[in-house]
Amino acid sequence: MAFVSKREGLARKIDTAAIEAESLGLTTATLILRMARLEIDRAEPDEVESMPRNNCRSKPN
């Protein structure tokens, strides 16, 4: 099994979310997600590793 870095994991999640937002016609959300992807690409590896993890699924409604 290949190890996926936190950076690659975040990038994949953002790409998937951007594709879904685009397919739903959510242009603002798509733009924000694309900008987030650019920030990840520009960030130093240490910055990405120190980013807090936000797990939306564990938050109560």
N, C-alpha and C. Protein backbone atom coordinates (compact mmCIF):
# COMPACT_ATOMS: atom_id res chain seq x y z
N MET A 1 0.84 -1.18 0.00
CA MET A 1 0.00 0.00 0.00
C MET A 1 0.89 1.25 0.00
N ALA A 2 0.60 2.18 -0.86
CA ALA A 2 1.41 3.39 -0.97
C ALA A 2 0.98 4.41 0.07
N PHE A 3 1.96 5.05 0.66
CA PHE A 3 1.70 6.09 1.65
C PHE A 3 1.39 7.39 0.93
N VAL A 4 0.30 8.02 1.28
CA VAL A 4 -0.09 9.30 0.69
C VAL A 4 0.20 10.38 1.72
N SER A 5 0.97 11.39 1.31
CA SER A 5 1.30 12.48 2.22
C SER A 5 0.06 13.29 2.53
N LYS A 6 0.13 14.04 3.60
CA LYS A 6 -1.00 14.89 3.97
C LYS A 6 -1.30 15.88 2.85
N ARG A 7 -0.27 16.39 2.23
CA ARG A 7 -0.44 17.34 1.13
C ARG A 7 -1.22 16.72 -0.02
N GLU A 8 -0.83 15.52 -0.42
CA GLU A 8 -1.52 14.85 -1.52
C GLU A 8 -2.95 14.48 -1.13
N GLY A 9 -3.14 14.08 0.11
CA GLY A 9 -4.48 13.74 0.58
C GLY A 9 -5.41 14.95 0.55
N LEU A 10 -4.91 16.08 1.03
CA LEU A 10 -5.70 17.31 0.99
C LEU A 10 -5.98 17.73 -0.45
N ALA A 11 -4.98 17.64 -1.29
CA ALA A 11 -5.14 18.05 -2.69
C ALA A 11 -6.20 17.19 -3.38
N ARG A 12 -6.19 15.90 -3.13
CA ARG A 12 -7.18 15.01 -3.74
C ARG A 12 -8.59 15.34 -3.26
N LYS A 13 -8.74 15.58 -1.96
CA LYS A 13 -10.06 15.91 -1.41
C LYS A 13 -10.58 17.21 -2.00
N ILE A 14 -9.71 18.20 -2.13
CA ILE A 14 -10.12 19.49 -2.68
C ILE A 14 -10.47 19.35 -4.15
N ASP A 15 -9.69 18.59 -4.90
CA ASP A 15 -10.00 18.37 -6.31
C ASP A 15 -11.36 17.69 -6.49
N THR A 16 -11.61 16.68 -5.67
CA THR A 16 -12.89 15.97 -5.74
C THR A 16 -14.05 16.91 -5.41
N ALA A 17 -13.89 17.70 -4.36
CA ALA A 17 -14.95 18.63 -3.97
C ALA A 17 -15.17 19.69 -5.05
N ALA A 18 -14.10 20.16 -5.67
CA ALA A 18 -14.23 21.16 -6.73
C ALA A 18 -14.97 20.60 -7.94
N ILE A 19 -14.69 19.36 -8.28
CA ILE A 19 -15.38 18.72 -9.40
C ILE A 19 -16.87 18.59 -9.09
N GLU A 20 -17.19 18.17 -7.87
CA GLU A 20 -18.59 18.04 -7.48
C GLU A 20 -19.29 19.40 -7.48
N ALA A 21 -18.63 20.41 -6.94
CA ALA A 21 -19.22 21.76 -6.90
C ALA A 21 -19.45 22.28 -8.32
N GLU A 22 -18.49 22.04 -9.19
CA GLU A 22 -18.63 22.49 -10.57
C GLU A 22 -19.80 21.79 -11.27
N SER A 23 -19.95 20.50 -11.01
CA SER A 23 -21.04 19.76 -11.65
C SER A 23 -22.41 20.22 -11.15
N LEU A 24 -22.45 20.77 -9.94
CA LEU A 24 -23.69 21.29 -9.39
C LEU A 24 -23.93 22.76 -9.74
N GLY A 25 -22.98 23.36 -10.45
CA GLY A 25 -23.13 24.75 -10.85
C GLY A 25 -22.80 25.73 -9.75
N LEU A 26 -22.06 25.29 -8.75
CA LEU A 26 -21.70 26.16 -7.62
C LEU A 26 -20.39 26.87 -7.96
N THR A 27 -20.50 27.95 -8.71
CA THR A 27 -19.30 28.61 -9.22
C THR A 27 -18.44 29.23 -8.12
N THR A 28 -19.07 29.82 -7.11
CA THR A 28 -18.29 30.44 -6.03
C THR A 28 -17.54 29.37 -5.24
N ALA A 29 -18.22 28.27 -4.93
CA ALA A 29 -17.57 27.18 -4.21
C ALA A 29 -16.42 26.60 -5.03
N THR A 30 -16.64 26.44 -6.32
CA THR A 30 -15.59 25.91 -7.19
C THR A 30 -14.37 26.83 -7.17
N LEU A 31 -14.61 28.13 -7.27
CA LEU A 31 -13.51 29.10 -7.25
C LEU A 31 -12.74 29.03 -5.93
N ILE A 32 -13.46 28.97 -4.82
CA ILE A 32 -12.80 28.91 -3.51
C ILE A 32 -11.98 27.63 -3.38
N LEU A 33 -12.52 26.52 -3.84
CA LEU A 33 -11.78 25.26 -3.76
C LEU A 33 -10.55 25.28 -4.65
N ARG A 34 -10.67 25.86 -5.83
CA ARG A 34 -9.49 25.97 -6.71
C ARG A 34 -8.42 26.86 -6.09
N MET A 35 -8.84 27.92 -5.41
CA MET A 35 -7.88 28.80 -4.73
C MET A 35 -7.21 28.05 -3.57
N ALA A 36 -7.97 27.24 -2.86
CA ALA A 36 -7.40 26.44 -1.78
C ALA A 36 -6.35 25.47 -2.32
N ARG A 37 -6.63 24.90 -3.47
CA ARG A 37 -5.68 23.97 -4.09
C ARG A 37 -4.38 24.70 -4.45
N LEU A 38 -4.50 25.92 -4.96
CA LEU A 38 -3.31 26.70 -5.27
C LEU A 38 -2.49 27.00 -4.01
N GLU A 39 -3.18 27.29 -2.91
CA GLU A 39 -2.47 27.55 -1.65
C GLU A 39 -1.71 26.32 -1.18
N ILE A 40 -2.30 25.15 -1.32
CA ILE A 40 -1.62 23.92 -0.94
C ILE A 40 -0.40 23.71 -1.82
N ASP A 41 -0.56 23.95 -3.13
CA ASP A 41 0.57 23.77 -4.05
C ASP A 41 1.71 24.73 -3.74
N ARG A 42 1.38 25.94 -3.28
CA ARG A 42 2.40 26.95 -3.00
C ARG A 42 2.99 26.83 -1.60
N ALA A 43 2.30 26.15 -0.70
CA ALA A 43 2.76 26.07 0.69
C ALA A 43 4.01 25.20 0.80
N GLU A 44 4.82 25.55 1.75
CA GLU A 44 5.99 24.74 2.06
C GLU A 44 5.51 23.43 2.70
N PRO A 45 6.21 22.34 2.53
CA PRO A 45 5.78 21.07 3.11
C PRO A 45 5.51 21.14 4.62
N ASP A 46 6.33 21.88 5.34
CA ASP A 46 6.14 21.99 6.78
C ASP A 46 4.84 22.71 7.13
N GLU A 47 4.45 23.68 6.31
CA GLU A 47 3.20 24.41 6.55
C GLU A 47 2.00 23.48 6.39
N VAL A 48 2.03 22.64 5.38
CA VAL A 48 0.92 21.73 5.13
C VAL A 48 0.81 20.72 6.25
N GLU A 49 1.93 20.20 6.70
CA GLU A 49 1.92 19.20 7.76
C GLU A 49 1.38 19.77 9.06
N SER A 50 1.51 21.08 9.26
CA SER A 50 1.03 21.68 10.50
C SER A 50 -0.40 22.21 10.40
N MET A 51 -1.03 22.09 9.22
CA MET A 51 -2.41 22.56 9.07
C MET A 51 -3.33 21.71 9.95
N PRO A 52 -4.29 22.34 10.60
CA PRO A 52 -5.21 21.57 11.44
C PRO A 52 -6.11 20.69 10.58
N ARG A 53 -6.44 19.55 11.14
CA ARG A 53 -7.36 18.65 10.43
C ARG A 53 -8.78 19.01 10.83
N ASN A 54 -9.64 19.20 9.85
CA ASN A 54 -11.05 19.46 10.10
C ASN A 54 -11.84 18.27 9.60
N ASN A 55 -12.43 17.56 10.53
CA ASN A 55 -13.22 16.40 10.15
C ASN A 55 -14.70 16.76 10.31
N CYS A 56 -15.31 17.16 9.22
CA CYS A 56 -16.71 17.61 9.25
C CYS A 56 -17.66 16.49 9.68
N ARG A 57 -17.30 15.26 9.40
CA ARG A 57 -18.19 14.15 9.71
C ARG A 57 -18.32 13.91 11.22
N SER A 58 -17.34 14.35 11.99
CA SER A 58 -17.39 14.10 13.43
C SER A 58 -18.08 15.21 14.20
N LYS A 59 -18.40 16.32 13.53
CA LYS A 59 -19.05 17.45 14.21
C LYS A 59 -20.55 17.20 14.34
N PRO A 60 -21.12 17.54 15.47
CA PRO A 60 -22.58 17.37 15.61
C PRO A 60 -23.34 18.39 14.77
N ASN A 61 -24.55 18.07 14.41
CA ASN A 61 -25.38 18.98 13.59
C ASN A 61 -25.89 20.13 14.41
